[in-house]
Amino acid sequence: MIPKASQRGLGQDLATHLLNALDNEYVEVAEVSGAVATDLHGAFAEWEAIAKGLTKCREYLYSLSVNPGPDSELSRAQYLDYAQRVEKKLGLEGQPRALVFHIKDGREHCHMVWSRIDWQSEKAIHLAFDHEKLMMVSREFARDHKLTLPDGYRRDASERGRRQSLYETQQERMTGLSKQERMDMITQAYRHSDSARSFVQALEAMGYVLATGKRPYVLVDMYGTMNALPKMIDDRNVRTLDVRKFLWHDFPPTSLPSVEEARALVAELRKAREEFAKAGASADRLTKLEAMQGRRRAELVTAQERERTQHRHERTVLAGAQLAERQAHKSAYLAQVRAVRAAREEARPTGLAAFLGKVTGVSLVIGKLHRHRDAKAYRAFVAERQDLIAGQKQAASMLQRQQEVHGLDGARQLRALVKVELRERQALEVKRVREQRTVERQGRAQMPGLDLDLRPRGRGPSVRKAKNRYQDPLRTPEERLPQHQTAPKKRLSDAELLSQLEESLPPPIESDIDLRASFERAAEDTRGEGERGEEGGEGGGPSGRARRSDRDDFERER
């Protein structure tokens, strides 16, 4: 007997989960009490409306799942006995409840859902220490029915196994690996790694990415789930501080990707694999699921059509009955009028009596009395007819409201069926992905490798000469030169130099030139400069020292 209970809201989502026929081989709604609706979605919607109208309670449901032991089975009477014991222990007696039975993997289990809202006191029932009380109820129930309890319920148990959390259960469903299997792989990799780099490489080969989040070191696996690295090492001698010291030098937390970045990275890596396998793997199962959903939807549509036909028949029958009733009422009044007139005709005086009645005025009084009685009878008939019509309208309105409620209930059931179908499709996709991931592992108890290059940030190690230790190897030789220095020019040949000089010369002057006078002036200028240079005078031409200083400046610029 393994009970799992929680206080929760979101009744519509819970109803959709309980009616999921894909994850369960058999689904039976055994009981829905304390609600007008007979289905789970309608009942939970009513309980939610009561919770919002009377209280401010958000977790208005108490959900309990009861799983028998692996070697025992419970009858329906035993399930009901357990539910009554729980109600008495937690103070839920008389509260609305729903019982749903599932058969999953060949084993039957029961879901019990109570409403925590007490409409008389307009308060939510406080459930204190409910887990401890459930353990007490389970022990008493097992003792009375001679059942075997798990080791965790024994008071003298030396080591009690921790119950698997909901996140770990969902993680196992997504990956196909239990938490213990993952811990064994990571622990073995940690023990056989002589450095932080080899340990991270081993994690990558097993399908994990080392990232940082609320804790310095967390693991994000191939499927996007996350676990703290120190908690995944199943060794009591290894503390969290030891893991941090082991990884801090080569992989500081600032150099690691965040959890969101790691999840985006692994999502891109697995997207191609899953899309490739998605094409034909789930075609048959999806076809079967659609066929099953089509039959179930057809049954619901047929039932709704049958109900609409019945509603039309009820309206027709009611209209005919009301018309017959009005006609009968009118016929009765007319028959009464005819009978009165016939009686008056028979009692009318004749002869001398009629003459005396007219003379004395008795006939006039009798005529007025008859007209007064006729008017009174007609007014009574009209009043009765109005009352009859009002009653018939009220009956027709009540029938219409009932049929509208039934129609709204049918539409709500159809919407609930759409939610259930969507959940079943999601469950089919989860199952397909889990099986595909199992196939990708090829029988190995680990996930596919990621083949990532998660090196610390910064420049990697390389061998450089001492004279080039300040140079950046990623830059070209031209980019390494200082900004004031240019790369050496390529030496030109004589023909190339002559062509460049010819292009740089100014165009020839077409005017006449005196060649003799020009040569004489050039000779005088040359002779004068040479004489001044030899004498060391302060002439217009530059001196040897000045030319040397110019050359030194040029050399420095080079």
Protein backbone atom coordinates (compact mmCIF):
# COMPACT_ATOMS: atom_id res chain seq x y z
CA MET A 1 0.00 0.00 0.00
CA ILE A 2 1.73 3.15 -1.25
CA PRO A 3 -0.34 6.36 -0.93
CA LYS A 4 0.74 9.63 -2.53
CA ALA A 5 -1.27 12.73 -1.69
CA SER A 6 -1.12 16.46 -2.29
CA GLN A 7 -3.27 19.56 -1.99
CA ARG A 8 -3.72 21.18 -5.37
CA GLY A 9 -5.85 23.32 -7.65
CA LEU A 10 -6.27 23.20 -11.45
CA GLY A 11 -9.13 20.74 -11.35
CA GLN A 12 -9.60 20.74 -15.13
CA ASP A 13 -6.01 19.66 -15.68
CA LEU A 14 -6.39 16.93 -13.06
CA ALA A 15 -9.58 15.67 -14.70
CA THR A 16 -7.83 15.55 -18.07
CA HIS A 17 -4.96 13.60 -16.52
CA LEU A 18 -7.30 11.11 -14.86
CA LEU A 19 -9.16 10.46 -18.13
CA ASN A 20 -6.01 9.87 -20.20
CA ALA A 21 -6.60 6.52 -21.86
CA LEU A 22 -3.21 6.32 -23.59
CA ASP A 23 -0.99 6.12 -20.52
CA ASN A 24 -3.48 3.78 -18.85
CA GLU A 25 -4.77 0.51 -20.19
CA TYR A 26 -8.12 0.93 -18.42
CA VAL A 27 -9.92 4.01 -17.04
CA GLU A 28 -13.10 3.82 -14.95
CA VAL A 29 -14.86 6.70 -13.19
CA ALA A 30 -16.37 4.69 -10.33
CA GLU A 31 -17.93 7.47 -8.26
CA VAL A 32 -18.67 11.20 -8.44
CA SER A 33 -20.58 12.44 -5.39
CA GLY A 34 -21.41 15.91 -4.12
CA ALA A 35 -21.85 17.47 -7.57
CA VAL A 36 -24.64 17.93 -10.08
CA ALA A 37 -22.43 16.87 -12.99
CA THR A 38 -21.65 13.21 -13.39
CA ASP A 39 -18.27 13.66 -15.10
CA LEU A 40 -14.95 14.78 -13.63
CA HIS A 41 -14.58 18.05 -15.53
CA GLY A 42 -18.04 19.21 -14.51
CA ALA A 43 -17.68 18.13 -10.87
CA PHE A 44 -14.27 19.76 -10.46
CA ALA A 45 -15.60 22.94 -12.11
CA GLU A 46 -18.45 23.03 -9.54
CA TRP A 47 -16.04 22.56 -6.65
CA GLU A 48 -13.80 25.30 -8.02
CA ALA A 49 -16.79 27.67 -8.30
CA ILE A 50 -17.72 26.93 -4.67
CA ALA A 51 -14.13 27.54 -3.57
CA LYS A 52 -13.97 30.89 -5.38
CA GLY A 53 -17.40 31.98 -4.20
CA LEU A 54 -17.09 31.08 -0.51
CA THR A 55 -13.36 31.20 0.21
CA LYS A 56 -10.05 32.40 -1.17
CA CYS A 57 -8.61 28.90 -1.21
CA ARG A 58 -6.52 28.10 -4.30
CA GLU A 59 -5.71 24.47 -3.51
CA TYR A 60 -9.31 23.37 -3.11
CA LEU A 61 -8.69 19.69 -3.97
CA TYR A 62 -7.01 16.90 -2.05
CA SER A 63 -5.73 14.28 -4.48
CA LEU A 64 -4.67 10.84 -3.28
CA SER A 65 -3.39 7.94 -5.37
CA VAL A 66 -3.36 4.48 -3.79
CA ASN A 67 -1.08 1.81 -5.27
CA PRO A 68 -1.17 -1.71 -3.83
CA GLY A 69 2.06 -3.52 -3.17
CA PRO A 70 3.82 -5.39 -5.97
CA ASP A 71 2.69 -8.73 -4.55
CA SER A 72 -0.84 -7.80 -3.49
CA GLU A 73 -4.09 -6.73 -5.09
CA LEU A 74 -7.02 -4.90 -3.50
CA SER A 75 -10.70 -5.39 -4.13
CA ARG A 76 -13.14 -2.55 -4.65
CA ALA A 77 -14.48 -3.02 -1.12
CA GLN A 78 -10.95 -2.67 0.28
CA TYR A 79 -10.39 0.52 -1.73
CA LEU A 80 -13.63 1.97 -0.34
CA ASP A 81 -12.63 0.92 3.19
CA TYR A 82 -9.30 2.70 2.78
CA ALA A 83 -11.08 5.83 1.49
CA GLN A 84 -13.38 5.86 4.51
CA ARG A 85 -10.43 5.47 6.88
CA VAL A 86 -8.65 8.39 5.21
CA GLU A 87 -11.78 10.56 5.40
CA LYS A 88 -12.18 9.84 9.09
CA LYS A 89 -8.51 10.47 9.88
CA LEU A 90 -8.19 13.72 7.90
CA GLY A 91 -11.62 15.15 8.69
CA LEU A 92 -12.99 14.82 5.16
CA GLU A 93 -16.14 12.91 6.09
CA GLY A 94 -19.15 14.00 4.06
CA GLN A 95 -17.05 15.98 1.60
CA PRO A 96 -17.65 15.63 -2.17
CA ARG A 97 -15.33 13.09 -3.70
CA ALA A 98 -14.49 11.25 -6.90
CA LEU A 99 -12.99 7.77 -7.33
CA VAL A 100 -11.19 6.79 -10.53
CA PHE A 101 -9.61 3.38 -11.17
CA HIS A 102 -6.70 2.88 -13.56
CA ILE A 103 -4.89 -0.18 -14.83
CA LYS A 104 -1.34 0.67 -15.88
CA ASP A 105 1.30 -1.87 -16.85
CA GLY A 106 -1.03 -4.64 -15.69
CA ARG A 107 -1.46 -3.19 -12.18
CA GLU A 108 -4.58 -1.53 -10.81
CA HIS A 109 -4.46 1.62 -8.72
CA CYS A 110 -7.04 4.12 -7.53
CA HIS A 111 -7.20 7.93 -7.55
CA MET A 112 -9.28 9.58 -4.83
CA VAL A 113 -10.07 13.29 -5.04
CA TRP A 114 -11.89 15.27 -2.32
CA SER A 115 -13.11 18.83 -2.18
CA ARG A 116 -11.62 20.65 0.81
CA ILE A 117 -14.33 23.33 0.91
CA ASP A 118 -16.97 22.98 3.66
CA TRP A 119 -19.95 24.94 2.30
CA GLN A 120 -21.67 25.12 5.68
CA SER A 121 -18.79 26.82 7.50
CA GLU A 122 -17.57 28.49 4.27
CA LYS A 123 -14.01 27.46 5.06
CA ALA A 124 -11.41 25.10 3.67
CA ILE A 125 -10.67 22.06 5.80
CA HIS A 126 -7.17 22.35 7.23
CA LEU A 127 -5.08 19.21 6.64
CA ALA A 128 -2.20 19.18 9.08
CA PHE A 129 0.44 16.41 9.04
CA ASP A 130 -1.50 14.56 6.38
CA HIS A 131 1.48 12.42 5.30
CA GLU A 132 2.04 11.13 8.82
CA LYS A 133 -1.67 10.41 9.18
CA LEU A 134 -1.69 8.56 5.86
CA MET A 135 1.19 6.39 7.08
CA MET A 136 -0.77 5.58 10.23
CA VAL A 137 -3.86 4.70 8.19
CA SER A 138 -1.77 2.53 5.86
CA ARG A 139 -0.25 0.62 8.77
CA GLU A 140 -3.65 0.01 10.37
CA PHE A 141 -5.19 -0.97 7.04
CA ALA A 142 -2.35 -3.39 6.27
CA ARG A 143 -2.60 -4.94 9.72
CA ASP A 144 -6.37 -5.40 9.49
CA HIS A 145 -6.27 -6.85 5.96
CA LYS A 146 -3.02 -8.79 6.50
CA LEU A 147 -1.06 -6.99 3.80
CA THR A 148 2.69 -6.48 3.46
CA LEU A 149 3.96 -2.91 3.70
CA PRO A 150 7.05 -1.55 1.92
CA ASP A 151 10.26 -1.18 3.89
CA GLY A 152 9.76 2.56 4.25
CA TYR A 153 6.70 2.05 6.48
CA ARG A 154 8.47 -0.12 9.00
CA ARG A 155 9.30 1.64 12.23
CA ASP A 156 12.43 -0.46 12.78
CA ALA A 157 13.88 0.06 9.32
CA SER A 158 17.62 0.77 9.51
CA GLU A 159 17.76 2.66 6.23
CA ARG A 160 14.63 4.05 4.63
CA GLY A 161 14.79 4.62 0.94
CA ARG A 162 13.88 8.16 -0.04
CA ARG A 163 10.70 8.38 -2.08
CA GLN A 164 11.21 9.44 -5.66
CA SER A 165 10.07 12.99 -6.33
CA LEU A 166 7.70 14.00 -9.11
CA TYR A 167 10.53 15.76 -10.99
CA GLU A 168 12.65 12.61 -10.86
CA THR A 169 9.71 10.55 -12.10
CA GLN A 170 9.18 12.87 -15.06
CA GLN A 171 12.93 12.89 -15.71
CA GLU A 172 12.95 9.10 -15.84
CA ARG A 173 10.00 9.15 -18.23
CA MET A 174 11.79 11.56 -20.56
CA THR A 175 15.24 9.96 -20.52
CA GLY A 176 14.45 6.30 -19.91
CA LEU A 177 17.16 6.22 -17.21
CA SER A 178 16.51 6.07 -13.50
CA LYS A 179 18.25 8.42 -11.12
CA GLN A 180 20.33 5.60 -9.66
CA GLU A 181 21.62 4.63 -13.10
CA ARG A 182 22.68 8.20 -13.81
CA MET A 183 24.33 8.48 -10.40
CA ASP A 184 26.27 5.26 -10.98
CA MET A 185 27.59 6.49 -14.34
CA ILE A 186 28.62 9.92 -13.03
CA THR A 187 30.20 8.43 -9.90
CA GLN A 188 32.23 5.99 -11.98
CA ALA A 189 33.38 8.80 -14.28
CA TYR A 190 34.42 10.90 -11.26
CA ARG A 191 36.41 8.07 -9.71
CA HIS A 192 38.25 7.21 -12.93
CA SER A 193 39.12 10.83 -13.87
CA ASP A 194 42.56 12.11 -12.95
CA SER A 195 41.84 15.74 -13.90
CA ALA A 196 38.96 18.11 -14.32
CA ARG A 197 39.29 18.07 -18.11
CA SER A 198 39.08 14.29 -18.33
CA PHE A 199 36.04 14.33 -16.03
CA VAL A 200 34.24 16.92 -18.17
CA GLN A 201 35.11 14.98 -21.32
CA ALA A 202 33.67 11.83 -19.74
CA LEU A 203 30.49 13.75 -18.90
CA GLU A 204 30.25 14.93 -22.52
CA ALA A 205 30.68 11.36 -23.75
CA MET A 206 27.76 10.33 -21.51
CA GLY A 207 25.57 13.16 -22.83
CA TYR A 208 25.94 15.81 -20.11
CA VAL A 209 26.86 19.48 -20.31
CA LEU A 210 28.57 21.15 -17.36
CA ALA A 211 26.78 24.44 -16.69
CA THR A 212 26.18 26.90 -13.89
CA GLY A 213 22.93 28.03 -12.34
CA LYS A 214 21.79 28.65 -8.77
CA ARG A 215 24.64 26.33 -7.83
CA PRO A 216 28.14 26.71 -9.28
CA TYR A 217 28.11 23.32 -11.02
CA VAL A 218 25.03 21.64 -12.48
CA LEU A 219 24.55 19.04 -15.20
CA VAL A 220 22.21 19.46 -18.16
CA ASP A 221 21.68 16.21 -20.01
CA MET A 222 20.94 15.54 -23.65
CA TYR A 223 17.20 15.94 -23.07
CA GLY A 224 17.27 19.24 -21.17
CA THR A 225 16.82 17.99 -17.59
CA MET A 226 19.03 19.40 -14.86
CA ASN A 227 20.68 18.02 -11.72
CA ALA A 228 23.23 19.36 -9.27
CA LEU A 229 26.61 17.74 -9.92
CA PRO A 230 27.64 17.07 -6.28
CA LYS A 231 24.32 15.33 -5.59
CA MET A 232 24.81 13.01 -8.56
CA ILE A 233 28.07 11.60 -7.16
CA ASP A 234 27.04 8.63 -5.03
CA ASP A 235 29.98 8.68 -2.66
CA ARG A 236 29.67 9.81 0.94
CA ASN A 237 33.34 10.69 1.08
CA VAL A 238 32.94 13.27 -1.70
CA ARG A 239 31.58 16.57 -0.47
CA THR A 240 30.34 19.55 -2.43
CA LEU A 241 33.46 21.49 -1.51
CA ASP A 242 35.65 18.70 -2.92
CA VAL A 243 33.85 18.83 -6.27
CA ARG A 244 34.22 22.60 -6.42
CA LYS A 245 37.94 22.45 -5.66
CA PHE A 246 38.36 19.74 -8.27
CA LEU A 247 36.77 21.82 -11.05
CA TRP A 248 37.47 25.42 -10.02
CA HIS A 249 40.91 25.84 -11.57
CA ASP A 250 40.13 24.59 -15.08
CA PHE A 251 36.40 25.33 -15.16
CA PRO A 252 35.45 28.32 -13.00
CA PRO A 253 31.70 29.01 -12.91
CA THR A 254 32.18 32.28 -14.81
CA SER A 255 33.53 30.35 -17.81
CA LEU A 256 30.61 27.91 -17.99
CA PRO A 257 27.35 28.41 -19.89
CA SER A 258 24.17 29.07 -17.98
CA VAL A 259 21.42 26.48 -17.70
CA GLU A 260 19.36 28.23 -20.39
CA GLU A 261 22.34 28.37 -22.76
CA ALA A 262 23.14 24.70 -22.17
CA ARG A 263 19.53 23.69 -22.78
CA ALA A 264 19.46 25.67 -26.02
CA LEU A 265 22.70 23.98 -27.09
CA VAL A 266 21.52 20.43 -26.47
CA ALA A 267 18.12 21.22 -28.01
CA GLU A 268 19.83 22.08 -31.29
CA LEU A 269 21.88 18.89 -31.14
CA ARG A 270 18.97 16.54 -30.55
CA LYS A 271 16.51 18.32 -32.84
CA ALA A 272 17.90 16.80 -36.01
CA ARG A 273 17.94 13.28 -34.55
CA GLU A 274 14.39 13.41 -33.25
CA GLU A 275 12.95 15.00 -36.39
CA PHE A 276 14.61 12.34 -38.51
CA ALA A 277 13.10 9.55 -36.43
CA LYS A 278 9.72 11.24 -36.04
CA ALA A 279 8.68 10.83 -39.67
CA GLY A 280 7.69 7.17 -39.73
CA ALA A 281 8.15 5.92 -36.18
CA SER A 282 4.81 7.06 -34.77
CA ALA A 283 2.65 6.85 -37.90
CA ASP A 284 1.01 3.54 -36.96
CA ARG A 285 0.50 4.48 -33.33
CA LEU A 286 -0.89 7.85 -34.27
CA THR A 287 -3.29 6.18 -36.69
CA LYS A 288 -4.48 3.80 -33.98
CA LEU A 289 -4.83 6.62 -31.49
CA GLU A 290 -6.81 8.71 -33.97
CA ALA A 291 -9.06 5.72 -34.69
CA MET A 292 -9.69 5.18 -30.98
CA GLN A 293 -10.35 8.88 -30.44
CA GLY A 294 -12.64 8.92 -33.48
CA ARG A 295 -14.72 6.06 -32.09
CA ARG A 296 -14.94 7.73 -28.71
CA ARG A 297 -15.87 11.05 -30.28
CA ALA A 298 -18.44 9.32 -32.51
CA GLU A 299 -20.02 7.73 -29.44
CA LEU A 300 -20.25 11.10 -27.74
CA VAL A 301 -21.65 12.80 -30.85
CA THR A 302 -24.17 9.99 -31.31
CA ALA A 303 -25.26 10.30 -27.69
CA GLN A 304 -25.62 14.05 -28.07
CA GLU A 305 -27.62 13.64 -31.29
CA ARG A 306 -29.84 11.09 -29.56
CA GLU A 307 -30.29 13.52 -26.71
CA ARG A 308 -31.21 16.34 -29.10
CA THR A 309 -33.76 14.08 -30.79
CA GLN A 310 -35.22 13.26 -27.41
CA HIS A 311 -35.35 16.96 -26.55
CA ARG A 312 -37.27 17.71 -29.75
CA HIS A 313 -39.69 14.88 -28.97
CA GLU A 314 -40.18 16.20 -25.44
CA ARG A 315 -40.92 19.69 -26.73
CA THR A 316 -43.37 18.31 -29.30
CA VAL A 317 -45.13 16.18 -26.69
CA LEU A 318 -45.31 19.08 -24.25
CA ALA A 319 -46.69 21.45 -26.89
CA GLY A 320 -49.35 18.90 -27.90
CA ALA A 321 -50.33 18.24 -24.30
CA GLN A 322 -50.61 21.94 -23.54
CA LEU A 323 -52.69 22.56 -26.66
CA ALA A 324 -55.02 19.68 -25.74
CA GLU A 325 -55.33 21.06 -22.22
CA ARG A 326 -56.29 24.51 -23.48
CA GLN A 327 -58.79 23.06 -25.92
CA ALA A 328 -60.30 20.88 -23.19
CA HIS A 329 -60.63 23.90 -20.92
CA LYS A 330 -62.33 25.89 -23.66
CA SER A 331 -64.62 23.01 -24.55
CA ALA A 332 -65.64 22.63 -20.93
CA TYR A 333 -66.54 26.30 -20.71
CA LEU A 334 -68.56 26.19 -23.92
CA ALA A 335 -70.38 23.06 -22.78
CA GLN A 336 -71.23 24.76 -19.52
CA VAL A 337 -72.57 27.79 -21.39
CA ARG A 338 -74.75 25.60 -23.61
CA ALA A 339 -76.08 23.71 -20.61
CA VAL A 340 -76.99 26.95 -18.82
CA ARG A 341 -78.70 28.35 -21.87
CA ALA A 342 -80.65 25.13 -22.38
CA ALA A 343 -81.79 25.16 -18.76
CA ARG A 344 -82.87 28.76 -19.04
CA GLU A 345 -84.75 28.04 -22.24
CA GLU A 346 -86.65 25.24 -20.55
CA ALA A 347 -87.45 27.42 -17.51
CA ARG A 348 -88.60 30.42 -19.53
CA PRO A 349 -92.30 31.27 -18.64
CA THR A 350 -94.94 31.32 -21.32
CA GLY A 351 -98.46 32.60 -21.65
CA LEU A 352 -99.93 34.52 -18.74
CA ALA A 353 -96.75 34.06 -16.68
CA ALA A 354 -94.67 35.69 -19.36
CA PHE A 355 -97.15 38.57 -19.65
CA LEU A 356 -97.21 39.12 -15.89
CA GLY A 357 -93.40 38.99 -15.78
CA LYS A 358 -93.10 41.69 -18.36
CA VAL A 359 -95.77 43.84 -16.68
CA THR A 360 -94.35 43.51 -13.22
CA GLY A 361 -90.69 43.81 -14.37
CA VAL A 362 -89.68 40.38 -13.08
CA SER A 363 -88.51 39.27 -16.52
CA LEU A 364 -86.25 42.32 -16.74
CA VAL A 365 -84.66 41.54 -13.38
CA ILE A 366 -84.21 37.90 -14.33
CA GLY A 367 -82.53 38.93 -17.61
CA LYS A 368 -80.08 41.22 -15.81
CA LEU A 369 -79.29 38.43 -13.33
CA HIS A 370 -78.57 36.00 -16.16
CA ARG A 371 -76.28 38.48 -17.90
CA HIS A 372 -74.43 39.13 -14.63
CA ARG A 373 -73.91 35.39 -14.09
CA ASP A 374 -72.73 34.94 -17.70
CA ALA A 375 -70.22 37.78 -17.37
CA LYS A 376 -68.97 36.38 -14.09
CA ALA A 377 -68.56 32.92 -15.61
CA TYR A 378 -66.71 34.40 -18.61
CA ARG A 379 -64.35 36.36 -16.36
CA ALA A 380 -63.65 33.20 -14.39
CA PHE A 381 -63.00 31.37 -17.63
CA VAL A 382 -60.58 34.06 -18.83
CA ALA A 383 -58.74 34.07 -15.48
CA GLU A 384 -58.44 30.29 -15.50
CA ARG A 385 -57.22 30.42 -19.09
CA GLN A 386 -54.55 33.01 -18.19
CA ASP A 387 -53.41 30.90 -15.24
CA LEU A 388 -53.33 27.86 -17.45
CA ILE A 389 -51.28 29.67 -20.11
CA ALA A 390 -48.86 31.03 -17.47
CA GLY A 391 -48.39 27.56 -16.03
CA GLN A 392 -47.80 26.10 -19.46
CA LYS A 393 -45.27 28.81 -20.29
CA GLN A 394 -43.44 28.12 -17.04
CA ALA A 395 -43.39 24.41 -17.79
CA ALA A 396 -42.09 25.06 -21.31
CA SER A 397 -39.47 27.45 -19.93
CA MET A 398 -38.35 24.89 -17.35
CA LEU A 399 -38.08 22.25 -20.05
CA GLN A 400 -36.11 24.65 -22.24
CA ARG A 401 -33.73 25.48 -19.39
CA GLN A 402 -33.22 21.82 -18.64
CA GLN A 403 -32.47 21.11 -22.26
CA GLU A 404 -30.12 24.10 -22.44
CA VAL A 405 -28.30 22.81 -19.38
CA HIS A 406 -28.04 19.41 -21.03
CA GLY A 407 -26.76 21.08 -24.19
CA LEU A 408 -24.17 23.08 -22.25
CA ASP A 409 -23.19 19.92 -20.43
CA GLY A 410 -22.76 18.14 -23.77
CA ALA A 411 -20.66 21.01 -25.12
CA ARG A 412 -18.55 20.95 -21.96
CA GLN A 413 -18.07 17.21 -22.33
CA LEU A 414 -16.96 17.77 -25.91
CA ARG A 415 -14.44 20.41 -24.79
CA ALA A 416 -13.22 18.06 -22.07
CA LEU A 417 -12.85 15.33 -24.68
CA VAL A 418 -10.73 17.68 -26.79
CA LYS A 419 -8.47 18.27 -23.77
CA VAL A 420 -8.19 14.54 -23.15
CA GLU A 421 -7.34 13.90 -26.80
CA LEU A 422 -4.65 16.59 -26.71
CA ARG A 423 -3.20 15.07 -23.53
CA GLU A 424 -3.20 11.62 -25.15
CA ARG A 425 -1.35 12.99 -28.18
CA GLN A 426 1.21 14.57 -25.88
CA ALA A 427 1.58 11.28 -24.02
CA LEU A 428 2.07 9.48 -27.33
CA GLU A 429 4.79 11.95 -28.30
CA VAL A 430 6.50 11.54 -24.91
CA LYS A 431 6.37 7.77 -25.28
CA ARG A 432 7.76 7.95 -28.82
CA VAL A 433 10.59 10.24 -27.76
CA ARG A 434 11.44 8.00 -24.81
CA GLU A 435 11.55 4.90 -26.99
CA GLN A 436 13.60 6.71 -29.63
CA ARG A 437 16.10 7.82 -27.00
CA THR A 438 16.30 4.27 -25.74
CA VAL A 439 17.05 3.08 -29.27
CA GLU A 440 19.72 5.76 -29.67
CA ARG A 441 21.53 4.44 -26.62
CA GLN A 442 21.80 1.04 -28.38
CA GLY A 443 21.40 -0.93 -25.19
CA ARG A 444 23.89 1.15 -23.22
CA ALA A 445 22.94 2.61 -19.88
CA GLN A 446 23.97 6.11 -20.89
CA MET A 447 22.88 8.88 -23.22
CA PRO A 448 24.50 9.67 -26.59
CA GLY A 449 27.65 11.77 -26.46
CA LEU A 450 27.48 15.48 -27.22
CA ASP A 451 30.97 15.94 -28.74
CA LEU A 452 31.31 19.42 -27.32
CA ASP A 453 34.53 21.41 -26.94
CA LEU A 454 33.97 23.05 -23.57
CA ARG A 455 37.35 24.66 -22.92
CA PRO A 456 37.81 27.51 -20.46
CA ARG A 457 37.41 30.95 -21.89
CA GLY A 458 40.49 32.77 -23.13
CA ARG A 459 43.47 31.97 -25.35
CA GLY A 460 44.56 28.38 -25.44
CA PRO A 461 48.19 27.29 -24.88
CA SER A 462 50.64 27.57 -27.81
CA VAL A 463 54.40 27.62 -28.45
CA ARG A 464 55.92 31.01 -29.43
CA LYS A 465 59.36 32.36 -29.83
CA ALA A 466 60.53 34.82 -27.24
CA LYS A 467 60.84 37.64 -29.74
CA ASN A 468 57.24 37.07 -30.91
CA ARG A 469 55.61 36.69 -27.50
CA TYR A 470 53.69 39.98 -27.83
CA GLN A 471 52.37 39.23 -31.29
CA ASP A 472 48.85 38.07 -31.95
CA PRO A 473 48.91 34.91 -34.12
CA LEU A 474 45.47 35.68 -35.50
CA ARG A 475 46.66 38.88 -37.23
CA THR A 476 48.37 39.06 -40.61
CA PRO A 477 51.99 40.20 -40.83
CA GLU A 478 50.88 43.54 -42.33
CA GLU A 479 48.48 44.11 -39.39
CA ARG A 480 51.24 43.38 -36.87
CA LEU A 481 53.33 46.37 -38.05
CA PRO A 482 53.02 49.62 -36.05
CA GLN A 483 50.74 52.26 -37.42
CA HIS A 484 53.60 54.71 -38.25
CA GLN A 485 55.53 52.02 -40.10
CA THR A 486 54.56 50.64 -43.48
CA ALA A 487 55.49 47.39 -45.11
CA PRO A 488 58.62 47.44 -47.33
CA LYS A 489 57.89 48.20 -50.94
CA LYS A 490 58.69 45.80 -53.70
CA ARG A 491 61.78 46.72 -55.76
CA LEU A 492 60.92 47.80 -59.32
CA SER A 493 62.80 46.87 -62.47
CA ASP A 494 64.42 49.49 -64.74
CA ALA A 495 61.67 49.28 -67.32
CA GLU A 496 58.94 49.71 -64.68
CA LEU A 497 60.77 52.63 -63.11
CA LEU A 498 61.21 54.34 -66.51
CA SER A 499 57.53 53.93 -67.34
CA GLN A 500 56.51 55.45 -63.99
CA LEU A 501 58.84 58.42 -64.55
CA GLU A 502 57.41 59.01 -67.98
CA GLU A 503 53.89 58.99 -66.59
CA SER A 504 54.82 61.46 -63.87
CA LEU A 505 56.47 63.97 -66.24
CA PRO A 506 54.47 67.09 -67.11
CA PRO A 507 53.27 67.46 -70.68
CA PRO A 508 55.77 69.07 -73.07
CA ILE A 509 55.58 72.82 -73.75
CA GLU A 510 55.02 73.61 -77.38
CA SER A 511 56.66 77.13 -77.23
CA ASP A 512 60.19 77.65 -78.59
CA ILE A 513 63.09 77.17 -76.14
CA ASP A 514 66.63 78.69 -76.37
CA LEU A 515 68.81 75.65 -75.72
CA ARG A 516 72.16 77.54 -75.66
CA ALA A 517 71.03 80.00 -73.02
CA SER A 518 69.56 77.21 -70.92
CA PHE A 519 72.78 75.16 -70.97
CA GLU A 520 74.89 78.21 -70.03
CA ARG A 521 72.66 79.01 -67.03
CA ALA A 522 72.75 75.41 -65.87
CA ALA A 523 76.55 75.29 -66.08
CA GLU A 524 76.94 78.52 -64.09
CA ASP A 525 74.57 77.25 -61.38
CA THR A 526 76.44 73.96 -61.09
CA ARG A 527 79.83 75.59 -60.89
CA GLY A 528 78.70 78.08 -58.26
CA GLU A 529 77.19 75.42 -55.99
CA GLY A 530 80.30 73.27 -56.21
CA GLU A 531 82.57 76.16 -55.28
CA ARG A 532 80.45 77.16 -52.31
CA GLY A 533 80.28 73.59 -51.14
CA GLU A 534 84.05 73.16 -51.25
CA GLU A 535 84.70 76.44 -49.45
CA GLY A 536 82.18 75.65 -46.74
CA GLY A 537 80.40 78.98 -47.19
CA GLU A 538 76.78 79.63 -46.35
CA GLY A 539 75.36 79.16 -49.79
CA GLY A 540 71.85 78.26 -50.90
CA GLY A 541 72.65 74.51 -51.24
CA PRO A 542 72.59 72.12 -48.28
CA SER A 543 75.88 71.20 -46.57
CA GLY A 544 77.25 67.70 -46.02
CA ARG A 545 76.37 67.81 -42.30
CA ALA A 546 72.84 68.86 -43.09
CA ARG A 547 72.50 66.05 -45.58
CA ARG A 548 73.79 63.56 -43.01
CA SER A 549 71.28 64.81 -40.44
CA ASP A 550 68.53 64.41 -43.00
CA ARG A 551 69.65 60.87 -43.64
CA ASP A 552 69.67 60.14 -39.91
CA ASP A 553 66.11 61.40 -39.59
CA PHE A 554 65.09 59.28 -42.53
CA GLU A 555 66.72 56.26 -41.00
CA ARG A 556 64.96 56.87 -37.70
CA GLU A 557 61.63 57.16 -39.49
CA ARG A 558 62.30 53.89 -41.21
